[in-house]
Amino acid sequence: MTTEQTFEELVQEFISKSKDLIGTESDENLPPWPPAPYDQEGPPYEFSQRITPEFISKYSLTIADDNPLYTDPNYGKKTKYGSQIAPGPVLALVRYPSVHGAQREGGYPLANFISGAAWEFFDVIHSGSKFRSSKTTKEIFEKPGSRGNLVFMTSDNYYWDYHGDLIGKCYGTQIYVPIPSMGTTRVISNERLGEHMMYERKAQQYSKEEIDQTLKDIASMKRRGPETLYWEDVNEGDTVGPLILPPWTLQDQVVYHSCAYATTVWGHFQGDNLAFEPIYHALKAIDKEGALFGSITHPVTGWPSTMNTEHEDALLAVFRGQPGPFDFGVQRSQIPQRLFTDWMGDDGFIRRLQMAFRKPVYYSDTTVYRGEVVKKFKEVQEGEKGEGATPGKKQYHAVGIKYQGLNQVGEAQVIGTGTVYLPSREAGPVDLPIPHPARPPFVSYETFYRDWY
C-alpha cells in the first residue's frame, strides 16, 4: 500500500481511476463463484434467488408494504395479473443499483452512501420469475457541498427475466464524501473519531401529543386495492398519501438483511449473513483478497472488525461520520413505491419512480410521505422487434407525481417524482408490457434528478 500519498492526492486518484471504469461492466454483486450451480458467464449475470411467493411476501414486509397483491398468492390470482406479483424495486436485490468506484487495499478516504435511484418499469414481476442483470458505470462528476466537493457516480442497470424480456431499468447514484480524518485509508482511527461528523442529532424523544398524532395519521392511511382509479377522475393538485413510517427501530433495519444480503454474493463474500465465531473465520480468510478485516478497531471491545455494521451499530456509526444508527439507503429507495401503489390501486402501473436522498433516517426517526399530482398527460411508447425488446406502439394515460418524505423535525429524508399509468374509461386498462427497444437509452442524472415525469 502506498503511504507517501496525501489525503488530497488519494481523493483525486480515486476520482481518476473511477473514471477509467466508465462504460465497463461492474464486477460488483455477481453470482456465487464455482462450483455454485449458477451460470458464471455474463453479462448478463444470473441472480441466485428465484422470486418465489414466499420470497415476495417476506421481501414486501421488509419495505413496509403489506399489500395483499404482494403478500397473498390467492389475492393475486383474482387480479388481472393472474398471480401474486412483486413490487418493482425488488430488482434492487437482483443487483445492487449503484456502483462503488475504484478499489484499493485499505480503501480511499471517502465515505460512501447511496444517494438515490431512478427506476423505469416495463412490466410487472410475476411470482416464479428468475432474473439476469447487467450494471455499467456511466457518469462520474463532482458537485460542491458544505464540506467540500462531493463525488457522484451513476450506473446503468438492466434487469431481464429468464424469457429474455426486459422488466426494468435503474439508474443508481452513489455519493462519496471526502473525510479528512480518514487520512490515507477508508476508515478513521479511533484517535480521530468524531472529528468530522456529518450531522449532530440525538435520538428523538416524543411527547404523548406527538405519539397520539402519529397514531392518528397512521389510522388515516388508505389503500385503494381492487377499486379502480380512472385517469379521467384524477386532477392536478390531488394529494397522494399519507404513508407513515413510525419511529425507526433496529428491527426495521436488520429485517432487510433477511432478503437482501442473505441472497447476494456480496453478503456471502463480506459475511453479512454470518454471525458469531464463523464470521471471524470468513472475514479473516478473505483478508488476503483485499477485504478490510481488521481495519476498524472497535472503540469499546478493541476487537478487529470491518465497516460492515456501520449502519446498524450505535458504536460503529461514527466511523461513517454519523451520530447513531442510520438506515440503508438502498432499502429507502424501495419504500416510496407503497405511497404510489396504495393511491393508484391494483389496476395502476408505476412507469417511472425517482428518489433523491437528503438526510439519513436515524434510529427513532418518524417519516411521513406525501405527494401531489402535478401533471396529467398522455404519452406514446414505442418498441421494436428483437430479443429483450417489446414491439408495438401504444398510448398511455399518465399522471406525474411529486412527493417527499419528511422526518419529525421537518427535514426532507427523500424527495422525488414518479409517473403512474392509469386505466382510462375511454381507452381501457393499462396494456402491459410497455413497448420498448432492447436497450432503452441511458437517462442522465441531470435529467432524472429533477422533475422526471
Protein backbone atom coordinates (compact mmCIF):
# COMPACT_ATOMS: atom_id res chain seq x y z
CA MET A 1 0.00 0.00 0.00
CA THR A 2 1.35 3.41 -0.93
CA THR A 3 1.81 5.60 2.15
CA GLU A 4 3.53 8.61 0.61
CA GLN A 5 0.37 10.00 -0.99
CA THR A 6 -1.55 12.74 0.76
CA PHE A 7 -5.27 12.77 1.53
CA GLU A 8 -5.92 15.17 -1.35
CA GLU A 9 -3.88 13.08 -3.78
CA LEU A 10 -5.76 9.93 -2.86
CA VAL A 11 -9.13 11.62 -3.37
CA GLN A 12 -8.04 12.70 -6.85
CA GLU A 13 -6.65 9.24 -7.59
CA PHE A 14 -9.99 7.72 -6.61
CA ILE A 15 -11.84 10.04 -8.99
CA SER A 16 -9.38 9.42 -11.84
CA LYS A 17 -9.36 5.64 -11.50
CA SER A 18 -13.13 5.54 -11.12
CA LYS A 19 -13.50 7.47 -14.38
CA ASP A 20 -11.44 4.75 -16.06
CA LEU A 21 -14.35 2.40 -15.25
CA ILE A 22 -16.93 4.40 -17.22
CA GLY A 23 -18.57 2.23 -19.87
CA THR A 24 -17.38 -1.03 -18.32
CA GLU A 25 -19.42 -3.78 -16.71
CA SER A 26 -19.19 -3.64 -12.93
CA ASP A 27 -17.89 -6.72 -11.16
CA GLU A 28 -19.97 -5.98 -8.06
CA ASN A 29 -22.73 -8.29 -6.81
CA LEU A 30 -22.00 -11.13 -9.23
CA PRO A 31 -23.28 -14.70 -8.84
CA PRO A 32 -21.51 -17.10 -6.45
CA TRP A 33 -18.26 -18.48 -7.88
CA PRO A 34 -17.78 -22.11 -8.98
CA PRO A 35 -18.77 -24.72 -8.01
CA ALA A 36 -22.02 -22.91 -7.18
CA PRO A 37 -24.78 -24.13 -9.56
CA TYR A 38 -25.27 -20.81 -11.33
CA ASP A 39 -24.34 -19.63 -14.77
CA GLN A 40 -20.97 -17.90 -14.40
CA GLU A 41 -21.00 -16.39 -17.87
CA GLY A 42 -22.01 -12.81 -18.38
CA PRO A 43 -23.06 -10.15 -18.69
CA PRO A 44 -25.90 -10.56 -18.12
CA TYR A 45 -25.36 -12.43 -14.86
CA GLU A 46 -27.75 -14.82 -13.19
CA PHE A 47 -29.34 -13.93 -9.86
CA SER A 48 -29.21 -16.84 -7.43
CA GLN A 49 -32.70 -16.33 -5.97
CA ARG A 50 -35.99 -17.22 -7.67
CA ILE A 51 -38.76 -14.72 -6.93
CA THR A 52 -41.00 -17.25 -5.16
CA PRO A 53 -44.31 -16.47 -3.44
CA GLU A 54 -42.61 -16.83 -0.06
CA PHE A 55 -39.75 -14.56 -1.08
CA ILE A 56 -42.11 -11.86 -2.39
CA SER A 57 -44.19 -11.88 0.80
CA LYS A 58 -41.13 -11.72 3.02
CA TYR A 59 -39.45 -9.06 0.94
CA SER A 60 -42.54 -6.82 0.78
CA LEU A 61 -42.74 -6.66 4.55
CA THR A 62 -39.07 -5.57 4.75
CA ILE A 63 -40.02 -2.42 2.82
CA ALA A 64 -43.09 -1.67 4.95
CA ASP A 65 -45.66 -2.93 2.43
CA ASP A 66 -48.32 -5.44 3.49
CA ASN A 67 -50.38 -5.04 0.30
CA PRO A 68 -52.13 -8.39 -0.34
CA LEU A 69 -51.22 -8.01 -4.02
CA TYR A 70 -47.68 -8.80 -2.86
CA THR A 71 -48.20 -10.84 0.30
CA ASP A 72 -51.16 -13.11 -0.56
CA PRO A 73 -50.84 -15.50 -3.56
CA ASN A 74 -54.57 -16.21 -3.55
CA TYR A 75 -55.39 -12.50 -3.76
CA GLY A 76 -53.09 -12.08 -6.73
CA LYS A 77 -54.75 -14.91 -8.63
CA LYS A 78 -58.03 -12.97 -8.61
CA THR A 79 -56.49 -9.85 -10.15
CA LYS A 80 -55.88 -9.15 -13.84
CA TYR A 81 -52.29 -10.36 -13.36
CA GLY A 82 -53.43 -13.89 -12.56
CA SER A 83 -50.76 -14.37 -9.89
CA GLN A 84 -49.04 -12.79 -6.97
CA ILE A 85 -46.68 -10.04 -8.16
CA ALA A 86 -43.70 -8.33 -6.56
CA PRO A 87 -43.04 -4.62 -6.03
CA GLY A 88 -40.87 -3.39 -8.89
CA PRO A 89 -37.96 -2.23 -6.68
CA VAL A 90 -37.32 -5.86 -5.67
CA LEU A 91 -34.93 -5.69 -8.63
CA ALA A 92 -32.54 -3.89 -6.28
CA LEU A 93 -31.94 -7.31 -4.71
CA VAL A 94 -31.22 -8.85 -8.10
CA ARG A 95 -28.33 -6.39 -8.48
CA TYR A 96 -27.47 -3.53 -6.13
CA PRO A 97 -28.45 -0.35 -8.01
CA SER A 98 -25.24 1.69 -7.79
CA VAL A 99 -21.50 1.26 -8.31
CA HIS A 100 -18.74 1.93 -5.79
CA GLY A 101 -15.88 3.09 -7.97
CA ALA A 102 -12.19 2.27 -7.85
CA GLN A 103 -10.87 -0.04 -5.15
CA ARG A 104 -7.55 0.00 -3.32
CA GLU A 105 -6.07 -2.04 -0.49
CA GLY A 106 -7.05 -0.16 2.65
CA GLY A 107 -9.60 1.85 0.72
CA TYR A 108 -9.79 5.51 -0.27
CA PRO A 109 -10.52 8.25 2.32
CA LEU A 110 -14.13 8.89 1.31
CA ALA A 111 -17.37 7.85 2.99
CA ASN A 112 -19.91 6.47 0.54
CA PHE A 113 -23.71 6.47 0.59
CA ILE A 114 -26.29 5.50 -2.00
CA SER A 115 -27.88 8.88 -2.69
CA GLY A 116 -30.76 7.99 -4.95
CA ALA A 117 -32.24 5.85 -7.67
CA ALA A 118 -34.40 6.32 -10.73
CA TRP A 119 -36.45 3.32 -11.87
CA GLU A 120 -38.08 2.54 -15.20
CA PHE A 121 -40.51 -0.38 -15.29
CA PHE A 122 -41.87 -2.10 -18.40
CA ASP A 123 -43.92 -4.90 -16.85
CA VAL A 124 -44.94 -6.38 -13.51
CA ILE A 125 -42.84 -9.06 -11.83
CA HIS A 126 -44.74 -12.33 -11.55
CA SER A 127 -44.26 -14.94 -8.88
CA GLY A 128 -41.73 -17.54 -10.03
CA SER A 129 -39.61 -15.11 -12.05
CA LYS A 130 -35.86 -15.57 -12.38
CA PHE A 131 -33.53 -12.76 -13.42
CA ARG A 132 -30.27 -11.81 -15.08
CA SER A 133 -28.70 -8.38 -14.82
CA SER A 134 -26.06 -6.01 -16.12
CA LYS A 135 -24.55 -2.99 -14.34
CA THR A 136 -22.34 -0.39 -16.02
CA THR A 137 -20.66 2.73 -14.69
CA LYS A 138 -21.93 5.68 -16.73
CA GLU A 139 -21.28 9.05 -15.06
CA ILE A 140 -18.82 10.48 -12.53
CA PHE A 141 -18.89 14.14 -11.62
CA GLU A 142 -18.28 16.50 -8.71
CA LYS A 143 -20.60 18.97 -7.02
CA PRO A 144 -19.81 21.47 -4.29
CA GLY A 145 -21.10 20.63 -0.82
CA SER A 146 -20.97 22.16 2.64
CA ARG A 147 -17.82 20.14 3.38
CA GLY A 148 -16.10 20.47 0.02
CA ASN A 149 -16.65 18.78 -3.31
CA LEU A 150 -18.83 15.67 -3.37
CA VAL A 151 -18.29 12.89 -5.90
CA PHE A 152 -21.34 11.43 -7.66
CA MET A 153 -21.40 8.15 -9.60
CA THR A 154 -24.32 6.97 -11.71
CA SER A 155 -24.78 3.46 -13.06
CA ASP A 156 -26.99 1.97 -15.77
CA ASN A 157 -28.68 -1.25 -14.63
CA TYR A 158 -30.70 -3.70 -16.76
CA TYR A 159 -32.88 -6.50 -15.39
CA TRP A 160 -34.08 -9.29 -17.71
CA ASP A 161 -36.27 -12.23 -16.78
CA TYR A 162 -35.49 -15.74 -17.98
CA HIS A 163 -37.66 -15.29 -21.06
CA GLY A 164 -35.18 -12.59 -22.06
CA ASP A 165 -37.75 -9.82 -21.52
CA LEU A 166 -36.52 -6.53 -20.08
CA ILE A 167 -38.64 -5.90 -16.99
CA GLY A 168 -36.93 -2.83 -15.61
CA LYS A 169 -34.00 -0.44 -15.52
CA CYS A 170 -32.43 1.54 -12.72
CA TYR A 171 -30.08 4.50 -12.66
CA GLY A 172 -28.42 4.27 -9.26
CA THR A 173 -26.44 7.12 -7.75
CA GLN A 174 -23.66 6.72 -5.18
CA ILE A 175 -22.24 9.77 -3.43
CA TYR A 176 -18.74 9.98 -1.98
CA VAL A 177 -17.82 12.42 0.77
CA PRO A 178 -14.09 13.07 1.34
CA ILE A 179 -13.33 12.67 5.06
CA PRO A 180 -10.01 14.25 6.10
CA SER A 181 -9.91 12.33 9.39
CA MET A 182 -9.67 9.09 7.41
CA GLY A 183 -6.17 10.17 6.41
CA THR A 184 -4.93 7.75 3.74
CA THR A 185 -7.37 4.82 4.22
CA ARG A 186 -11.11 4.18 4.13
CA VAL A 187 -11.51 4.18 7.92
CA ILE A 188 -11.00 6.61 10.77
CA SER A 189 -8.55 5.76 13.51
CA ASN A 190 -10.04 5.61 16.99
CA GLU A 191 -7.95 8.63 17.97
CA ARG A 192 -9.72 10.79 15.35
CA LEU A 193 -13.27 9.50 15.75
CA GLY A 194 -15.80 12.33 15.87
CA GLU A 195 -13.61 14.95 14.19
CA HIS A 196 -15.70 15.19 11.02
CA MET A 197 -19.28 14.36 11.92
CA MET A 198 -21.75 14.88 9.07
CA TYR A 199 -24.73 15.51 11.37
CA GLU A 200 -25.30 16.15 15.06
CA ARG A 201 -28.61 14.86 16.36
CA LYS A 202 -29.62 12.63 19.25
CA ALA A 203 -32.37 10.01 19.19
CA GLN A 204 -35.80 11.62 19.19
CA GLN A 205 -37.94 11.66 22.31
CA TYR A 206 -41.67 12.03 21.62
CA SER A 207 -44.32 13.67 23.74
CA LYS A 208 -47.66 11.98 24.30
CA GLU A 209 -49.28 14.52 21.98
CA GLU A 210 -46.79 13.70 19.20
CA ILE A 211 -47.36 9.98 19.62
CA ASP A 212 -51.13 10.43 19.56
CA GLN A 213 -50.89 12.49 16.36
CA THR A 214 -48.70 9.89 14.65
CA LEU A 215 -51.12 7.13 15.59
CA LYS A 216 -53.98 9.25 14.23
CA ASP A 217 -52.06 9.76 10.98
CA ILE A 218 -51.40 6.02 10.67
CA ALA A 219 -55.13 5.39 11.09
CA SER A 220 -55.79 7.79 8.20
CA MET A 221 -53.74 5.74 5.73
CA LYS A 222 -55.81 4.17 2.95
CA ARG A 223 -55.16 1.52 0.32
CA ARG A 224 -57.29 1.60 -2.83
CA GLY A 225 -56.74 -2.07 -3.64
CA PRO A 226 -59.25 -3.52 -6.16
CA GLU A 227 -61.20 -0.25 -6.51
CA THR A 228 -60.22 1.09 -9.95
CA LEU A 229 -58.88 4.64 -10.17
CA TYR A 230 -59.56 6.03 -13.64
CA TRP A 231 -57.36 8.65 -15.28
CA GLU A 232 -60.40 10.80 -16.04
CA ASP A 233 -61.11 11.11 -12.29
CA VAL A 234 -57.67 12.47 -11.39
CA ASN A 235 -56.90 16.19 -11.32
CA GLU A 236 -53.72 18.19 -10.94
CA GLY A 237 -53.44 19.22 -7.31
CA ASP A 238 -54.85 15.94 -5.95
CA THR A 239 -52.99 14.72 -2.87
CA VAL A 240 -51.30 11.34 -2.56
CA GLY A 241 -50.88 9.69 0.83
CA PRO A 242 -50.00 9.94 3.59
CA LEU A 243 -47.71 6.98 4.16
CA ILE A 244 -46.46 6.97 7.75
CA LEU A 245 -43.41 5.10 8.98
CA PRO A 246 -43.38 5.08 12.80
CA PRO A 247 -40.10 5.62 14.70
CA TRP A 248 -37.31 3.66 13.01
CA THR A 249 -36.11 0.69 15.06
CA LEU A 250 -33.27 -1.79 14.90
CA GLN A 251 -35.77 -4.43 13.78
CA ASP A 252 -36.81 -2.25 10.82
CA GLN A 253 -33.13 -2.01 9.97
CA VAL A 254 -31.89 -5.59 10.22
CA VAL A 255 -35.00 -7.29 8.82
CA TYR A 256 -33.85 -6.12 5.40
CA HIS A 257 -30.81 -8.40 5.69
CA SER A 258 -33.07 -11.43 5.61
CA CYS A 259 -33.91 -10.78 1.95
CA ALA A 260 -31.03 -8.64 0.75
CA TYR A 261 -27.56 -9.59 1.94
CA ALA A 262 -28.59 -13.17 2.66
CA THR A 263 -29.40 -13.76 -1.04
CA THR A 264 -26.50 -11.98 -2.72
CA VAL A 265 -22.89 -12.84 -3.36
CA TRP A 266 -21.92 -9.54 -1.74
CA GLY A 267 -23.44 -10.65 1.53
CA HIS A 268 -21.79 -14.07 1.26
CA PHE A 269 -18.40 -12.59 0.41
CA GLN A 270 -18.41 -9.99 3.15
CA GLY A 271 -20.01 -12.18 5.78
CA ASP A 272 -23.19 -10.19 6.27
CA ASN A 273 -25.24 -13.36 6.54
CA LEU A 274 -22.90 -14.89 9.13
CA ALA A 275 -22.59 -14.29 12.84
CA PHE A 276 -20.63 -15.24 15.94
CA GLU A 277 -17.35 -17.09 15.50
CA PRO A 278 -17.90 -18.17 11.84
CA ILE A 279 -17.88 -14.54 10.67
CA TYR A 280 -14.42 -14.10 12.18
CA HIS A 281 -13.05 -17.00 10.15
CA ALA A 282 -14.87 -15.92 6.97
CA LEU A 283 -13.53 -12.39 7.08
CA LYS A 284 -10.03 -13.39 8.07
CA ALA A 285 -9.89 -15.97 5.26
CA ILE A 286 -10.64 -13.40 2.56
CA ASP A 287 -8.48 -10.64 4.03
CA LYS A 288 -5.70 -11.54 1.59
CA GLU A 289 -8.06 -10.65 -1.28
CA GLY A 290 -8.29 -7.02 -0.24
CA ALA A 291 -11.10 -7.09 2.30
CA LEU A 292 -10.88 -4.61 5.14
CA PHE A 293 -10.94 -7.09 8.00
CA GLY A 294 -9.16 -5.63 10.98
CA SER A 295 -9.18 -2.10 9.56
CA ILE A 296 -11.59 -1.00 12.30
CA THR A 297 -10.77 -1.49 15.95
CA HIS A 298 -13.99 -1.49 17.95
CA PRO A 299 -13.81 1.57 20.22
CA VAL A 300 -15.14 -0.36 23.23
CA THR A 301 -14.18 -4.01 22.84
CA GLY A 302 -10.94 -3.46 20.97
CA TRP A 303 -11.90 -6.33 18.65
CA PRO A 304 -10.73 -6.21 14.99
CA SER A 305 -13.71 -5.54 12.75
CA THR A 306 -14.85 -4.16 9.40
CA MET A 307 -17.11 -1.39 8.17
CA ASN A 308 -19.94 -3.91 7.59
CA THR A 309 -22.08 -2.84 10.52
CA GLU A 310 -21.53 0.92 10.46
CA HIS A 311 -25.21 1.38 9.63
CA GLU A 312 -26.81 -0.53 12.48
CA ASP A 313 -24.21 -0.47 15.27
CA ALA A 314 -24.60 2.57 17.51
CA LEU A 315 -20.91 2.43 18.45
CA LEU A 316 -19.60 2.00 14.89
CA ALA A 317 -21.81 4.54 13.06
CA VAL A 318 -19.28 7.22 14.00
CA PHE A 319 -16.84 5.59 11.55
CA ARG A 320 -19.19 6.86 8.81
CA GLY A 321 -19.47 10.30 10.42
CA GLN A 322 -22.94 9.58 11.79
CA PRO A 323 -24.19 10.26 15.35
CA GLY A 324 -26.04 6.95 15.61
CA PRO A 325 -27.57 4.04 13.67
CA PHE A 326 -28.87 5.11 10.26
CA ASP A 327 -30.89 3.37 7.58
CA PHE A 328 -29.72 1.55 4.46
CA GLY A 329 -30.22 3.93 1.57
CA VAL A 330 -30.98 1.05 -0.77
CA GLN A 331 -33.85 0.00 1.50
CA ARG A 332 -35.16 3.56 1.47
CA SER A 333 -35.04 3.50 -2.34
CA GLN A 334 -37.68 0.78 -2.31
CA ILE A 335 -40.12 2.14 0.28
CA PRO A 336 -41.73 5.09 -1.60
CA GLN A 337 -43.38 2.76 -4.12
CA ARG A 338 -46.04 2.00 -1.49
CA LEU A 339 -47.13 5.66 -1.49
CA PHE A 340 -47.92 5.20 -5.19
CA THR A 341 -49.47 1.72 -5.12
CA ASP A 342 -51.75 2.48 -2.17
CA TRP A 343 -53.05 5.52 -4.09
CA MET A 344 -53.36 4.06 -7.60
CA GLY A 345 -54.77 0.65 -6.67
CA ASP A 346 -54.26 -2.75 -8.26
CA ASP A 347 -55.02 -1.55 -11.80
CA GLY A 348 -52.42 1.22 -11.96
CA PHE A 349 -48.80 0.78 -13.05
CA ILE A 350 -45.70 2.63 -11.88
CA ARG A 351 -43.83 3.53 -15.06
CA ARG A 352 -41.10 5.72 -13.53
CA LEU A 353 -40.08 6.26 -9.92
CA GLN A 354 -37.22 8.52 -8.85
CA MET A 355 -35.91 9.42 -5.42
CA ALA A 356 -33.07 11.60 -4.15
CA PHE A 357 -31.89 11.18 -0.57
CA ARG A 358 -31.26 14.14 1.67
CA LYS A 359 -30.95 13.38 5.41
CA PRO A 360 -30.43 9.80 6.64
CA VAL A 361 -33.19 8.09 8.57
CA TYR A 362 -31.78 7.79 12.08
CA TYR A 363 -32.82 5.45 14.85
CA SER A 364 -36.09 6.81 16.31
CA ASP A 365 -36.96 8.94 13.24
CA THR A 366 -40.55 9.06 12.00
CA THR A 367 -41.10 9.54 8.28
CA VAL A 368 -44.25 10.94 6.68
CA TYR A 369 -44.52 10.53 2.90
CA ARG A 370 -46.93 12.75 0.97
CA GLY A 371 -47.32 13.53 -2.70
CA GLU A 372 -49.23 15.69 -5.15
CA VAL A 373 -50.39 15.17 -8.72
CA VAL A 374 -48.57 17.90 -10.66
CA LYS A 375 -49.13 16.75 -14.24
CA LYS A 376 -51.82 14.89 -16.18
CA PHE A 377 -50.93 13.83 -19.70
CA LYS A 378 -50.86 11.15 -22.38
CA GLU A 379 -47.66 9.65 -23.75
CA VAL A 380 -46.80 7.19 -26.50
CA GLN A 381 -44.34 4.35 -26.01
CA GLU A 382 -42.73 2.65 -28.99
CA GLY A 383 -40.84 -0.62 -29.14
CA GLU A 384 -39.05 -2.81 -31.61
CA LYS A 385 -38.67 -6.45 -32.53
CA GLY A 386 -35.82 -8.49 -31.16
CA GLU A 387 -34.56 -10.25 -28.05
CA GLY A 388 -35.25 -8.23 -24.92
CA ALA A 389 -37.49 -5.79 -26.77
CA THR A 390 -41.26 -5.40 -26.93
CA PRO A 391 -42.61 -4.29 -30.32
CA GLY A 392 -45.56 -2.00 -30.95
CA LYS A 393 -46.77 1.50 -30.34
CA LYS A 394 -49.23 2.31 -27.56
CA GLN A 395 -50.64 5.41 -25.93
CA TYR A 396 -50.85 5.57 -22.14
CA HIS A 397 -52.82 7.79 -19.78
CA ALA A 398 -50.33 9.14 -17.27
CA VAL A 399 -50.07 11.31 -14.19
CA GLY A 400 -46.89 12.88 -12.81
CA ILE A 401 -46.49 12.94 -9.05
CA LYS A 402 -44.07 14.89 -6.87
CA TYR A 403 -43.51 13.57 -3.34
CA GLN A 404 -41.31 13.84 -0.28
CA GLY A 405 -40.68 12.05 2.99
CA LEU A 406 -40.21 14.35 5.99
CA ASN A 407 -38.94 13.39 9.43
CA GLN A 408 -40.36 14.57 12.76
CA VAL A 409 -38.26 17.76 12.77
CA GLY A 410 -39.29 18.75 9.24
CA GLU A 411 -36.16 17.63 7.39
CA ALA A 412 -36.55 16.01 3.98
CA GLN A 413 -35.16 12.48 4.04
CA VAL A 414 -36.19 11.82 0.47
CA ILE A 415 -37.68 13.86 -2.36
CA GLY A 416 -38.71 12.52 -5.72
CA THR A 417 -41.05 12.21 -8.65
CA GLY A 418 -42.90 9.45 -10.42
CA THR A 419 -45.13 8.62 -13.36
CA VAL A 420 -48.15 6.37 -12.98
CA TYR A 421 -50.16 4.87 -15.84
CA LEU A 422 -53.87 4.57 -15.04
CA PRO A 423 -56.81 2.83 -16.70
CA SER A 424 -59.00 5.05 -18.83
CA ARG A 425 -62.76 4.83 -19.19
CA GLU A 426 -62.28 5.69 -22.84
CA ALA A 427 -59.16 3.64 -23.70
CA GLY A 428 -59.44 0.74 -21.25
CA PRO A 429 -56.91 -0.85 -18.86
CA VAL A 430 -53.16 -0.28 -18.79
CA ASP A 431 -51.79 -2.55 -21.53
CA LEU A 432 -48.65 -4.43 -20.45
CA PRO A 433 -45.86 -4.92 -21.24
CA ILE A 434 -44.85 -1.40 -22.19
CA PRO A 435 -43.33 -1.32 -25.73
CA HIS A 436 -39.61 -0.61 -25.60
CA PRO A 437 -36.36 -1.18 -27.50
CA ALA A 438 -33.94 -3.91 -26.48
CA ARG A 439 -31.62 -1.34 -24.94
CA PRO A 440 -33.55 1.76 -23.85
CA PRO A 441 -31.20 4.76 -23.83
CA PHE A 442 -29.43 5.86 -20.66
CA VAL A 443 -31.11 8.68 -18.75
CA SER A 444 -28.55 11.02 -17.19
CA TYR A 445 -28.56 12.39 -13.67
CA GLU A 446 -29.25 15.89 -14.93
CA THR A 447 -32.48 14.58 -16.47
CA PHE A 448 -33.96 12.40 -13.74
CA TYR A 449 -32.98 14.16 -10.52
CA ARG A 450 -35.44 16.98 -11.12
CA ASP A 451 -38.99 16.59 -12.48
CA TRP A 452 -38.84 13.27 -14.31
CA TYR A 453 -42.40 12.56 -15.50
